[in-house]
Amino acid sequence: MTAAPLIYKIAPAALWAAAAQAGVFTGAPVDVADGYIHFSTAAQARETAAKHFAGQADLKLVAIEAAALGTALKWEPSRGGALFPHLYAPLPLTAVRWVRDLPLGADGAHVFPTLD
C-alpha cells in the first residue's frame, strides 16, 4: 500500500506537551500497552476520535509525515479489516508537520480542521 503523505495522532494536550519537551513521543498508555503507536489516516481520524476520545476535551491533533518514519511504520488491518498505520518505534518530532487543537463542538463531536 502506498502511504498517505500525512498520518494523524490524537493525543491529550498534556501528554503531547511532555513529548514536545522531551523531543520525542513514545506513545500514550494504549500505545505502550500494544507495543506500537497508533495513527489514523485523514479518512479514519474522525472515527478514531469518536470511538476512542468521545467527549474528551483538551486534545491535540498531530499531523505526521508518513515517509519520514521509514520501515518502522507498518500498515496493518484493524477495524473491519481497514489498514491503519502503526509505528514500531518512538515518534521523532522532526516528522511532525503541524499540531492543532482538537476542540469539542456544541454537538459534543470533535471539530476537525481540513485534513490532507
PDB file of N, CA and C in Angstrom:
ATOM      1  N   MET A   1       0.847  -1.193   0.000  1.00  0.00           N
ATOM      2  CA  MET A   1       0.000   0.000   0.000  1.00  0.00           C
ATOM      3  C   MET A   1       0.881   1.241   0.000  1.00  0.00           C
ATOM      4  N   THR A   2       0.491   2.217  -0.760  1.00  0.00           N
ATOM      5  CA  THR A   2       1.209   3.491  -0.771  1.00  0.00           C
ATOM      6  C   THR A   2       0.726   4.319   0.408  1.00  0.00           C
ATOM      7  N   ALA A   3       1.663   4.782   1.193  1.00  0.00           N
ATOM      8  CA  ALA A   3       1.318   5.566   2.381  1.00  0.00           C
ATOM      9  C   ALA A   3       0.808   6.940   1.974  1.00  0.00           C
ATOM     10  N   ALA A   4      -0.184   7.395   2.718  1.00  0.00           N
ATOM     11  CA  ALA A   4      -0.653   8.765   2.528  1.00  0.00           C
ATOM     12  C   ALA A   4       0.460   9.702   2.963  1.00  0.00           C
ATOM     13  N   PRO A   5       0.506  10.910   2.416  1.00  0.00           N
ATOM     14  CA  PRO A   5       1.586  11.823   2.796  1.00  0.00           C
ATOM     15  C   PRO A   5       1.549  12.187   4.285  1.00  0.00           C
ATOM     16  N   LEU A   6       0.348  12.291   4.854  1.00  0.00           N
ATOM     17  CA  LEU A   6       0.226  12.617   6.273  1.00  0.00           C
ATOM     18  C   LEU A   6      -0.607  11.554   6.975  1.00  0.00           C
ATOM     19  N   ILE A   7      -0.178  11.237   8.196  1.00  0.00           N
ATOM     20  CA  ILE A   7      -0.980  10.420   9.087  1.00  0.00           C
ATOM     21  C   ILE A   7      -1.192  11.240  10.352  1.00  0.00           C
ATOM     22  N   TYR A   8      -2.133  10.822  11.189  1.00  0.00           N
ATOM     23  CA  TYR A   8      -2.554  11.671  12.304  1.00  0.00           C
ATOM     24  C   TYR A   8      -2.572  10.915  13.622  1.00  0.00           C
ATOM     25  N   LYS A   9      -2.187  11.637  14.670  1.00  0.00           N
ATOM     26  CA  LYS A   9      -2.241  11.128  16.041  1.00  0.00           C
ATOM     27  C   LYS A   9      -3.108  12.078  16.854  1.00  0.00           C
ATOM     28  N   ILE A  10      -4.037  11.511  17.607  1.00  0.00           N
ATOM     29  CA  ILE A  10      -4.834  12.290  18.551  1.00  0.00           C
ATOM     30  C   ILE A  10      -4.246  12.016  19.928  1.00  0.00           C
ATOM     31  N   ALA A  11      -3.913  13.065  20.650  1.00  0.00           N
ATOM     32  CA  ALA A  11      -3.264  12.894  21.951  1.00  0.00           C
ATOM     33  C   ALA A  11      -3.765  13.944  22.933  1.00  0.00           C
ATOM     34  N   PRO A  12      -3.875  13.575  24.206  1.00  0.00           N
ATOM     35  CA  PRO A  12      -4.191  14.575  25.224  1.00  0.00           C
ATOM     36  C   PRO A  12      -3.122  15.675  25.220  1.00  0.00           C
ATOM     37  N   ALA A  13      -3.547  16.904  25.399  1.00  0.00           N
ATOM     38  CA  ALA A  13      -2.629  18.046  25.325  1.00  0.00           C
ATOM     39  C   ALA A  13      -1.458  17.911  26.290  1.00  0.00           C
ATOM     40  N   ALA A  14      -1.703  17.451  27.514  1.00  0.00           N
ATOM     41  CA  ALA A  14      -0.621  17.328  28.499  1.00  0.00           C
ATOM     42  C   ALA A  14       0.409  16.287  28.060  1.00  0.00           C
ATOM     43  N   LEU A  15      -0.058  15.188  27.480  1.00  0.00           N
ATOM     44  CA  LEU A  15       0.848  14.153  27.001  1.00  0.00           C
ATOM     45  C   LEU A  15       1.684  14.676  25.839  1.00  0.00           C
ATOM     46  N   TRP A  16       1.049  15.430  24.951  1.00  0.00           N
ATOM     47  CA  TRP A  16       1.793  15.983  23.821  1.00  0.00           C
ATOM     48  C   TRP A  16       2.789  17.047  24.292  1.00  0.00           C
ATOM     49  N   ALA A  17       2.412  17.850  25.271  1.00  0.00           N
ATOM     50  CA  ALA A  17       3.330  18.861  25.808  1.00  0.00           C
ATOM     51  C   ALA A  17       4.578  18.192  26.394  1.00  0.00           C
ATOM     52  N   ALA A  18       4.399  17.085  27.084  1.00  0.00           N
ATOM     53  CA  ALA A  18       5.540  16.350  27.639  1.00  0.00           C
ATOM     54  C   ALA A  18       6.431  15.820  26.521  1.00  0.00           C
ATOM     55  N   ALA A  19       5.823  15.336  25.444  1.00  0.00           N
ATOM     56  CA  ALA A  19       6.591  14.846  24.303  1.00  0.00           C
ATOM     57  C   ALA A  19       7.371  15.978  23.650  1.00  0.00           C
ATOM     58  N   ALA A  20       6.718  17.129  23.506  1.00  0.00           N
ATOM     59  CA  ALA A  20       7.396  18.281  22.899  1.00  0.00           C
ATOM     60  C   ALA A  20       8.611  18.693  23.734  1.00  0.00           C
ATOM     61  N   GLN A  21       8.467  18.634  25.036  1.00  0.00           N
ATOM     62  CA  GLN A  21       9.577  18.992  25.922  1.00  0.00           C
ATOM     63  C   GLN A  21      10.699  17.950  25.821  1.00  0.00           C
ATOM     64  N   ALA A  22      10.339  16.680  25.688  1.00  0.00           N
ATOM     65  CA  ALA A  22      11.328  15.605  25.606  1.00  0.00           C
ATOM     66  C   ALA A  22      11.962  15.495  24.219  1.00  0.00           C
ATOM     67  N   GLY A  23      11.269  16.029  23.202  1.00  0.00           N
ATOM     68  CA  GLY A  23      11.768  15.949  21.835  1.00  0.00           C
ATOM     69  C   GLY A  23      11.412  14.661  21.122  1.00  0.00           C
ATOM     70  N   VAL A  24      10.597  13.822  21.767  1.00  0.00           N
ATOM     71  CA  VAL A  24      10.185  12.552  21.175  1.00  0.00           C
ATOM     72  C   VAL A  24       8.874  12.126  21.827  1.00  0.00           C
ATOM     73  N   PHE A  25       8.020  11.449  21.049  1.00  0.00           N
ATOM     74  CA  PHE A  25       6.757  10.927  21.575  1.00  0.00           C
ATOM     75  C   PHE A  25       6.875   9.413  21.621  1.00  0.00           C
ATOM     76  N   THR A  26       6.779   8.852  22.821  1.00  0.00           N
ATOM     77  CA  THR A  26       6.913   7.403  22.980  1.00  0.00           C
ATOM     78  C   THR A  26       5.569   6.704  23.044  1.00  0.00           C
ATOM     79  N   GLY A  27       4.481   7.476  23.006  1.00  0.00           N
ATOM     80  CA  GLY A  27       3.153   6.897  22.935  1.00  0.00           C
ATOM     81  C   GLY A  27       2.304   7.172  24.152  1.00  0.00           C
ATOM     82  N   ALA A  28       0.996   7.053  23.937  1.00  0.00           N
ATOM     83  CA  ALA A  28       0.016   7.128  25.012  1.00  0.00           C
ATOM     84  C   ALA A  28       0.008   5.764  25.711  1.00  0.00           C
ATOM     85  N   PRO A  29      -0.638   5.658  26.863  1.00  0.00           N
ATOM     86  CA  PRO A  29      -0.674   4.356  27.550  1.00  0.00           C
ATOM     87  C   PRO A  29      -1.156   3.202  26.671  1.00  0.00           C
ATOM     88  N   VAL A  30      -2.158   3.424  25.828  1.00  0.00           N
ATOM     89  CA  VAL A  30      -2.637   2.353  24.940  1.00  0.00           C
ATOM     90  C   VAL A  30      -1.560   1.949  23.935  1.00  0.00           C
ATOM     91  N   ASP A  31      -0.775   2.911  23.460  1.00  0.00           N
ATOM     92  CA  ASP A  31       0.305   2.612  22.518  1.00  0.00           C
ATOM     93  C   ASP A  31       1.374   1.753  23.193  1.00  0.00           C
ATOM     94  N   VAL A  32       1.761   2.162  24.390  1.00  0.00           N
ATOM     95  CA  VAL A  32       2.783   1.420  25.137  1.00  0.00           C
ATOM     96  C   VAL A  32       2.306  -0.011  25.394  1.00  0.00           C
ATOM     97  N   ALA A  33       1.045  -0.157  25.789  1.00  0.00           N
ATOM     98  CA  ALA A  33       0.482  -1.488  26.063  1.00  0.00           C
ATOM     99  C   ALA A  33       0.456  -2.355  24.809  1.00  0.00           C
ATOM    100  N   ASP A  34       0.166  -1.758  23.647  1.00  0.00           N
ATOM    101  CA  ASP A  34       0.065  -2.518  22.400  1.00  0.00           C
ATOM    102  C   ASP A  34       1.413  -2.740  21.710  1.00  0.00           C
ATOM    103  N   GLY A  35       2.427  -1.979  22.109  1.00  0.00           N
ATOM    104  CA  GLY A  35       3.753  -2.158  21.535  1.00  0.00           C
ATOM    105  C   GLY A  35       4.013  -1.358  20.275  1.00  0.00           C
ATOM    106  N   TYR A  36       3.124  -0.445  19.948  1.00  0.00           N
ATOM    107  CA  TYR A  36       3.313   0.430  18.793  1.00  0.00           C
ATOM    108  C   TYR A  36       2.445   1.670  18.979  1.00  0.00           C
ATOM    109  N   ILE A  37       2.766   2.733  18.242  1.00  0.00           N
ATOM    110  CA  ILE A  37       1.987   3.970  18.300  1.00  0.00           C
ATOM    111  C   ILE A  37       0.900   3.907  17.232  1.00  0.00           C
ATOM    112  N   HIS A  38      -0.337   4.080  17.668  1.00  0.00           N
ATOM    113  CA  HIS A  38      -1.496   4.073  16.770  1.00  0.00           C
ATOM    114  C   HIS A  38      -1.619   5.415  16.042  1.00  0.00           C
ATOM    115  N   PHE A  39      -1.857   5.367  14.752  1.00  0.00           N
ATOM    116  CA  PHE A  39      -2.144   6.547  13.950  1.00  0.00           C
ATOM    117  C   PHE A  39      -3.394   6.288  13.129  1.00  0.00           C
ATOM    118  N   SER A  40      -3.901   7.330  12.501  1.00  0.00           N
ATOM    119  CA  SER A  40      -5.033   7.230  11.586  1.00  0.00           C
ATOM    120  C   SER A  40      -4.705   8.001  10.315  1.00  0.00           C
ATOM    121  N   THR A  41      -5.350   7.605   9.227  1.00  0.00           N
ATOM    122  CA  THR A  41      -5.291   8.393   8.003  1.00  0.00           C
ATOM    123  C   THR A  41      -6.313   9.530   8.133  1.00  0.00           C
ATOM    124  N   ALA A  42      -6.309  10.431   7.178  1.00  0.00           N
ATOM    125  CA  ALA A  42      -7.295  11.518   7.188  1.00  0.00           C
ATOM    126  C   ALA A  42      -8.713  10.949   7.175  1.00  0.00           C
ATOM    127  N   ALA A  43      -8.938   9.879   6.418  1.00  0.00           N
ATOM    128  CA  ALA A  43     -10.267   9.278   6.321  1.00  0.00           C
ATOM    129  C   ALA A  43     -10.683   8.558   7.603  1.00  0.00           C
ATOM    130  N   GLN A  44      -9.725   8.172   8.429  1.00  0.00           N
ATOM    131  CA  GLN A  44     -10.006   7.405   9.646  1.00  0.00           C
ATOM    132  C   GLN A  44     -10.054   8.261  10.914  1.00  0.00           C
ATOM    133  N   ALA A  45      -9.513   9.470  10.880  1.00  0.00           N
ATOM    134  CA  ALA A  45      -9.308  10.258  12.093  1.00  0.00           C
ATOM    135  C   ALA A  45     -10.602  10.588  12.832  1.00  0.00           C
ATOM    136  N   ARG A  46     -11.640  10.956  12.108  1.00  0.00           N
ATOM    137  CA  ARG A  46     -12.899  11.311  12.775  1.00  0.00           C
ATOM    138  C   ARG A  46     -13.501  10.105  13.512  1.00  0.00           C
ATOM    139  N   GLU A  47     -13.471   8.944  12.883  1.00  0.00           N
ATOM    140  CA  GLU A  47     -13.988   7.741  13.522  1.00  0.00           C
ATOM    141  C   GLU A  47     -13.138   7.378  14.747  1.00  0.00           C
ATOM    142  N   THR A  48     -11.836   7.537  14.639  1.00  0.00           N
ATOM    143  CA  THR A  48     -10.952   7.279  15.781  1.00  0.00           C
ATOM    144  C   THR A  48     -11.302   8.199  16.938  1.00  0.00           C
ATOM    145  N   ALA A  49     -11.520   9.471  16.650  1.00  0.00           N
ATOM    146  CA  ALA A  49     -11.880  10.423  17.708  1.00  0.00           C
ATOM    147  C   ALA A  49     -13.199  10.035  18.364  1.00  0.00           C
ATOM    148  N   ALA A  50     -14.185   9.679  17.550  1.00  0.00           N
ATOM    149  CA  ALA A  50     -15.499   9.326  18.081  1.00  0.00           C
ATOM    150  C   ALA A  50     -15.448   8.040  18.902  1.00  0.00           C
ATOM    151  N   LYS A  51     -14.651   7.081  18.458  1.00  0.00           N
ATOM    152  CA  LYS A  51     -14.597   5.775  19.123  1.00  0.00           C
ATOM    153  C   LYS A  51     -13.736   5.785  20.389  1.00  0.00           C
ATOM    154  N   HIS A  52     -12.598   6.466  20.341  1.00  0.00           N
ATOM    155  CA  HIS A  52     -11.632   6.375  21.432  1.00  0.00           C
ATOM    156  C   HIS A  52     -11.506   7.637  22.289  1.00  0.00           C
ATOM    157  N   PHE A  53     -12.049   8.759  21.822  1.00  0.00           N
ATOM    158  CA  PHE A  53     -11.888  10.022  22.542  1.00  0.00           C
ATOM    159  C   PHE A  53     -13.207  10.765  22.721  1.00  0.00           C
ATOM    160  N   ALA A  54     -14.324  10.063  22.645  1.00  0.00           N
ATOM    161  CA  ALA A  54     -15.645  10.694  22.745  1.00  0.00           C
ATOM    162  C   ALA A  54     -15.752  11.543  24.010  1.00  0.00           C
ATOM    163  N   GLY A  55     -16.171  12.791  23.816  1.00  0.00           N
ATOM    164  CA  GLY A  55     -16.396  13.703  24.937  1.00  0.00           C
ATOM    165  C   GLY A  55     -15.145  14.269  25.574  1.00  0.00           C
ATOM    166  N   GLN A  56     -13.981  13.887  25.110  1.00  0.00           N
ATOM    167  CA  GLN A  56     -12.734  14.380  25.705  1.00  0.00           C
ATOM    168  C   GLN A  56     -12.343  15.723  25.097  1.00  0.00           C
ATOM    169  N   ALA A  57     -12.121  16.675  25.960  1.00  0.00           N
ATOM    170  CA  ALA A  57     -11.637  17.987  25.543  1.00  0.00           C
ATOM    171  C   ALA A  57     -10.117  18.020  25.756  1.00  0.00           C
ATOM    172  N   ASP A  58      -9.499  19.118  25.410  1.00  0.00           N
ATOM    173  CA  ASP A  58      -8.075  19.339  25.624  1.00  0.00           C
ATOM    174  C   ASP A  58      -7.225  18.296  24.901  1.00  0.00           C
ATOM    175  N   LEU A  59      -7.588  18.047  23.630  1.00  0.00           N
ATOM    176  CA  LEU A  59      -6.830  17.127  22.790  1.00  0.00           C
ATOM    177  C   LEU A  59      -6.050  17.895  21.729  1.00  0.00           C
ATOM    178  N   LYS A  60      -5.012  17.267  21.241  1.00  0.00           N
ATOM    179  CA  LYS A  60      -4.231  17.781  20.119  1.00  0.00           C
ATOM    180  C   LYS A  60      -4.356  16.819  18.947  1.00  0.00           C
ATOM    181  N   LEU A  61      -4.405  17.368  17.755  1.00  0.00           N
ATOM    182  CA  LEU A  61      -4.346  16.599  16.523  1.00  0.00           C
ATOM    183  C   LEU A  61      -2.975  16.875  15.915  1.00  0.00           C
ATOM    184  N   VAL A  62      -2.213  15.816  15.719  1.00  0.00           N
ATOM    185  CA  VAL A  62      -0.832  15.943  15.255  1.00  0.00           C
ATOM    186  C   VAL A  62      -0.732  15.322  13.866  1.00  0.00           C
ATOM    187  N   ALA A  63      -0.225  16.085  12.914  1.00  0.00           N
ATOM    188  CA  ALA A  63      -0.024  15.603  11.545  1.00  0.00           C
ATOM    189  C   ALA A  63       1.444  15.211  11.370  1.00  0.00           C
ATOM    190  N   ILE A  64       1.652  14.008  10.872  1.00  0.00           N
ATOM    191  CA  ILE A  64       2.994  13.448  10.757  1.00  0.00           C
ATOM    192  C   ILE A  64       3.269  13.067   9.313  1.00  0.00           C
ATOM    193  N   GLU A  65       4.496  13.338   8.861  1.00  0.00           N
ATOM    194  CA  GLU A  65       4.953  12.925   7.531  1.00  0.00           C
ATOM    195  C   GLU A  65       5.202  11.422   7.567  1.00  0.00           C
ATOM    196  N   ALA A  66       4.338  10.650   6.937  1.00  0.00           N
ATOM    197  CA  ALA A  66       4.468   9.194   6.970  1.00  0.00           C
ATOM    198  C   ALA A  66       5.812   8.734   6.407  1.00  0.00           C
ATOM    199  N   ALA A  67       6.257   9.334   5.338  1.00  0.00           N
ATOM    200  CA  ALA A  67       7.502   8.909   4.692  1.00  0.00           C
ATOM    201  C   ALA A  67       8.717   9.102   5.594  1.00  0.00           C
ATOM    202  N   ALA A  68       8.641  10.020   6.547  1.00  0.00           N
ATOM    203  CA  ALA A  68       9.768  10.296   7.436  1.00  0.00           C
ATOM    204  C   ALA A  68       9.957   9.192   8.482  1.00  0.00           C
ATOM    205  N   LEU A  69       9.005   8.278   8.583  1.00  0.00           N
ATOM    206  CA  LEU A  69       9.063   7.253   9.624  1.00  0.00           C
ATOM    207  C   LEU A  69       9.746   5.965   9.167  1.00  0.00           C
ATOM    208  N   GLY A  70      10.000   5.865   7.882  1.00  0.00           N
ATOM    209  CA  GLY A  70      10.755   4.724   7.363  1.00  0.00           C
ATOM    210  C   GLY A  70      10.073   3.391   7.573  1.00  0.00           C
ATOM    211  N   THR A  71      10.890   2.353   7.736  1.00  0.00           N
ATOM    212  CA  THR A  71      10.386   0.986   7.808  1.00  0.00           C
ATOM    213  C   THR A  71       9.736   0.657   9.154  1.00  0.00           C
ATOM    214  N   ALA A  72       9.858   1.522  10.151  1.00  0.00           N
ATOM    215  CA  ALA A  72       9.199   1.285  11.441  1.00  0.00           C
ATOM    216  C   ALA A  72       7.692   1.497  11.341  1.00  0.00           C
ATOM    217  N   LEU A  73       7.223   2.151  10.256  1.00  0.00           N
ATOM    218  CA  LEU A  73       5.794   2.367  10.038  1.00  0.00           C
ATOM    219  C   LEU A  73       5.235   1.189   9.251  1.00  0.00           C
ATOM    220  N   LYS A  74       4.249   0.522   9.838  1.00  0.00           N
ATOM    221  CA  LYS A  74       3.605  -0.632   9.208  1.00  0.00           C
ATOM    222  C   LYS A  74       2.126  -0.331   9.020  1.00  0.00           C
ATOM    223  N   TRP A  75       1.567  -0.799   7.912  1.00  0.00           N
ATOM    224  CA  TRP A  75       0.132  -0.673   7.644  1.00  0.00           C
ATOM    225  C   TRP A  75      -0.504  -2.022   7.949  1.00  0.00           C
ATOM    226  N   GLU A  76      -1.356  -2.043   8.981  1.00  0.00           N
ATOM    227  CA  GLU A  76      -1.898  -3.305   9.464  1.00  0.00           C
ATOM    228  C   GLU A  76      -3.416  -3.237   9.590  1.00  0.00           C
ATOM    229  N   PRO A  77      -4.099  -4.382   9.373  1.00  0.00           N
ATOM    230  CA  PRO A  77      -5.559  -4.390   9.474  1.00  0.00           C
ATOM    231  C   PRO A  77      -6.035  -4.171  10.900  1.00  0.00           C
ATOM    232  N   SER A  78      -7.110  -3.414  11.004  1.00  0.00           N
ATOM    233  CA  SER A  78      -7.734  -3.160  12.301  1.00  0.00           C
ATOM    234  C   SER A  78      -9.230  -3.210  12.094  1.00  0.00           C
ATOM    235  N   ARG A  79      -9.952  -2.148  12.536  1.00  0.00           N
ATOM    236  CA  ARG A  79     -11.416  -2.122  12.433  1.00  0.00           C
ATOM    237  C   ARG A  79     -11.905  -2.570  11.056  1.00  0.00           C
ATOM    238  N   GLY A  80     -12.663  -3.629  11.045  1.00  0.00           N
ATOM    239  CA  GLY A  80     -13.287  -4.069   9.804  1.00  0.00           C
ATOM    240  C   GLY A  80     -12.307  -4.397   8.694  1.00  0.00           C
ATOM    241  N   GLY A  81     -11.058  -4.668   9.036  1.00  0.00           N
ATOM    242  CA  GLY A  81     -10.063  -5.002   8.035  1.00  0.00           C
ATOM    243  C   GLY A  81      -9.370  -3.809   7.402  1.00  0.00           C
ATOM    244  N   ALA A  82      -9.771  -2.586   7.787  1.00  0.00           N
ATOM    245  CA  ALA A  82      -9.115  -1.395   7.235  1.00  0.00           C
ATOM    246  C   ALA A  82      -7.654  -1.348   7.679  1.00  0.00           C
ATOM    247  N   LEU A  83      -6.784  -0.876   6.803  1.00  0.00           N
ATOM    248  CA  LEU A  83      -5.372  -0.759   7.146  1.00  0.00           C
ATOM    249  C   LEU A  83      -5.128   0.541   7.914  1.00  0.00           C
ATOM    250  N   PHE A  84      -4.494   0.390   9.070  1.00  0.00           N
ATOM    251  CA  PHE A  84      -4.149   1.546   9.905  1.00  0.00           C
ATOM    252  C   PHE A  84      -2.630   1.634  10.029  1.00  0.00           C
ATOM    253  N   PRO A  85      -2.092   2.847  10.083  1.00  0.00           N
ATOM    254  CA  PRO A  85      -0.647   3.000  10.273  1.00  0.00           C
ATOM    255  C   PRO A  85      -0.269   2.819  11.745  1.00  0.00           C
ATOM    256  N   HIS A  86       0.733   1.970  11.971  1.00  0.00           N
ATOM    257  CA  HIS A  86       1.254   1.698  13.313  1.00  0.00           C
ATOM    258  C   HIS A  86       2.768   1.912  13.281  1.00  0.00           C
ATOM    259  N   LEU A  87       3.281   2.639  14.254  1.00  0.00           N
ATOM    260  CA  LEU A  87       4.718   2.927  14.321  1.00  0.00           C
ATOM    261  C   LEU A  87       5.358   2.092  15.416  1.00  0.00           C
ATOM    262  N   TYR A  88       6.300   1.244  15.023  1.00  0.00           N
ATOM    263  CA  TYR A  88       7.012   0.377  15.954  1.00  0.00           C
ATOM    264  C   TYR A  88       8.338   1.018  16.372  1.00  0.00           C
ATOM    265  N   ALA A  89       8.262   2.238  16.816  1.00  0.00           N
ATOM    266  CA  ALA A  89       9.423   2.999  17.282  1.00  0.00           C
ATOM    267  C   ALA A  89       8.887   4.289  17.910  1.00  0.00           C
ATOM    268  N   PRO A  90       9.698   4.985  18.682  1.00  0.00           N
ATOM    269  CA  PRO A  90       9.267   6.309  19.146  1.00  0.00           C
ATOM    270  C   PRO A  90       9.071   7.250  17.951  1.00  0.00           C
ATOM    271  N   LEU A  91       8.172   8.195  18.105  1.00  0.00           N
ATOM    272  CA  LEU A  91       7.903   9.179  17.047  1.00  0.00           C
ATOM    273  C   LEU A  91       8.874  10.342  17.188  1.00  0.00           C
ATOM    274  N   PRO A  92       9.773  10.514  16.213  1.00  0.00           N
ATOM    275  CA  PRO A  92      10.660  11.679  16.269  1.00  0.00           C
ATOM    276  C   PRO A  92       9.868  12.938  15.904  1.00  0.00           C
ATOM    277  N   LEU A  93      10.002  13.965  16.696  1.00  0.00           N
ATOM    278  CA  LEU A  93       9.205  15.173  16.451  1.00  0.00           C
ATOM    279  C   LEU A  93       9.619  15.883  15.166  1.00  0.00           C
ATOM    280  N   THR A  94      10.741  15.515  14.598  1.00  0.00           N
ATOM    281  CA  THR A  94      11.142  16.072  13.299  1.00  0.00           C
ATOM    282  C   THR A  94      10.192  15.634  12.191  1.00  0.00           C
ATOM    283  N   ALA A  95       9.421  14.570  12.417  1.00  0.00           N
ATOM    284  CA  ALA A  95       8.463  14.085  11.412  1.00  0.00           C
ATOM    285  C   ALA A  95       7.118  14.805  11.503  1.00  0.00           C
ATOM    286  N   VAL A  96       6.936  15.627  12.530  1.00  0.00           N
ATOM    287  CA  VAL A  96       5.658  16.315  12.735  1.00  0.00           C
ATOM    288  C   VAL A  96       5.578  17.544  11.838  1.00  0.00           C
ATOM    289  N   ARG A  97       4.498  17.620  11.047  1.00  0.00           N
ATOM    290  CA  ARG A  97       4.287  18.782  10.183  1.00  0.00           C
ATOM    291  C   ARG A  97       3.566  19.896  10.931  1.00  0.00           C
ATOM    292  N   TRP A  98       2.525  19.537  11.707  1.00  0.00           N
ATOM    293  CA  TRP A  98       1.812  20.536  12.494  1.00  0.00           C
ATOM    294  C   TRP A  98       1.066  19.883  13.648  1.00  0.00           C
ATOM    295  N   VAL A  99       0.727  20.729  14.638  1.00  0.00           N
ATOM    296  CA  VAL A  99      -0.065  20.316  15.803  1.00  0.00           C
ATOM    297  C   VAL A  99      -1.170  21.352  15.967  1.00  0.00           C
ATOM    298  N   ARG A 100      -2.412  20.879  16.083  1.00  0.00           N
ATOM    299  CA  ARG A 100      -3.546  21.796  16.253  1.00  0.00           C
ATOM    300  C   ARG A 100      -4.431  21.305  17.386  1.00  0.00           C
ATOM    301  N   ASP A 101      -5.167  22.238  17.984  1.00  0.00           N
ATOM    302  CA  ASP A 101      -6.161  21.867  18.980  1.00  0.00           C
ATOM    303  C   ASP A 101      -7.263  21.064  18.305  1.00  0.00           C
ATOM    304  N   LEU A 102      -7.858  20.133  19.048  1.00  0.00           N
ATOM    305  CA  LEU A 102      -8.987  19.343  18.550  1.00  0.00           C
ATOM    306  C   LEU A 102     -10.149  19.546  19.524  1.00  0.00           C
ATOM    307  N   PRO A 103     -10.843  20.683  19.373  1.00  0.00           N
ATOM    308  CA  PRO A 103     -11.893  21.035  20.339  1.00  0.00           C
ATOM    309  C   PRO A 103     -13.180  20.248  20.116  1.00  0.00           C
ATOM    310  N   LEU A 104     -14.011  20.281  21.132  1.00  0.00           N
ATOM    311  CA  LEU A 104     -15.348  19.711  21.029  1.00  0.00           C
ATOM    312  C   LEU A 104     -16.299  20.782  20.507  1.00  0.00           C
ATOM    313  N   GLY A 105     -17.175  20.397  19.596  1.00  0.00           N
ATOM    314  CA  GLY A 105     -18.193  21.304  19.099  1.00  0.00           C
ATOM    315  C   GLY A 105     -19.403  21.302  20.016  1.00  0.00           C
ATOM    316  N   ALA A 106     -20.360  22.148  19.712  1.00  0.00           N
ATOM    317  CA  ALA A 106     -21.580  22.252  20.509  1.00  0.00           C
ATOM    318  C   ALA A 106     -22.348  20.929  20.551  1.00  0.00           C
ATOM    319  N   ASP A 107     -22.189  20.110  19.506  1.00  0.00           N
ATOM    320  CA  ASP A 107     -22.877  18.816  19.450  1.00  0.00           C
ATOM    321  C   ASP A 107     -22.123  17.706  20.180  1.00  0.00           C
ATOM    322  N   GLY A 108     -20.961  18.040  20.772  1.00  0.00           N
ATOM    323  CA  GLY A 108     -20.170  17.059  21.502  1.00  0.00           C
ATOM    324  C   GLY A 108     -19.176  16.289  20.648  1.00  0.00           C
ATOM    325  N   ALA A 109     -19.221  16.512  19.332  1.00  0.00           N
ATOM    326  CA  ALA A 109     -18.255  15.865  18.431  1.00  0.00           C
ATOM    327  C   ALA A 109     -17.030  16.768  18.277  1.00  0.00           C
ATOM    328  N   HIS A 110     -15.888  16.168  17.983  1.00  0.00           N
ATOM    329  CA  HIS A 110     -14.674  16.956  17.793  1.00  0.00           C
ATOM    330  C   HIS A 110     -14.749  17.730  16.474  1.00  0.00           C
ATOM    331  N   VAL A 111     -14.213  18.922  16.488  1.00  0.00           N
ATOM    332  CA  VAL A 111     -14.191  19.804  15.311  1.00  0.00           C
ATOM    333  C   VAL A 111     -12.816  19.695  14.677  1.00  0.00           C
ATOM    334  N   PHE A 112     -12.779  19.059  13.507  1.00  0.00           N
ATOM    335  CA  PHE A 112     -11.520  18.827  12.804  1.00  0.00           C
ATOM    336  C   PHE A 112     -11.206  19.941  11.819  1.00  0.00           C
ATOM    337  N   PRO A 113      -9.925  20.249  11.657  1.00  0.00           N
ATOM    338  CA  PRO A 113      -9.525  21.125  10.558  1.00  0.00           C
ATOM    339  C   PRO A 113      -9.623  20.313   9.254  1.00  0.00           C
ATOM    340  N   THR A 114      -9.438  20.957   8.139  1.00  0.00           N
ATOM    341  CA  THR A 114      -9.373  20.243   6.872  1.00  0.00           C
ATOM    342  C   THR A 114      -8.104  19.402   6.876  1.00  0.00           C
ATOM    343  N   LEU A 115      -8.248  18.120   6.566  1.00  0.00           N
ATOM    344  CA  LEU A 115      -7.092  17.222   6.570  1.00  0.00           C
ATOM    345  C   LEU A 115      -6.678  16.920   5.149  1.00  0.00           C
ATOM    346  N   ASP A 116      -5.375  16.767   4.981  1.00  0.00           N
ATOM    347  CA  ASP A 116      -4.817  16.444   3.649  1.00  0.00           C
ATOM    348  C   ASP A 116      -5.146  15.031   3.276  1.00  0.00           C
TER     349      ASP A 116
END
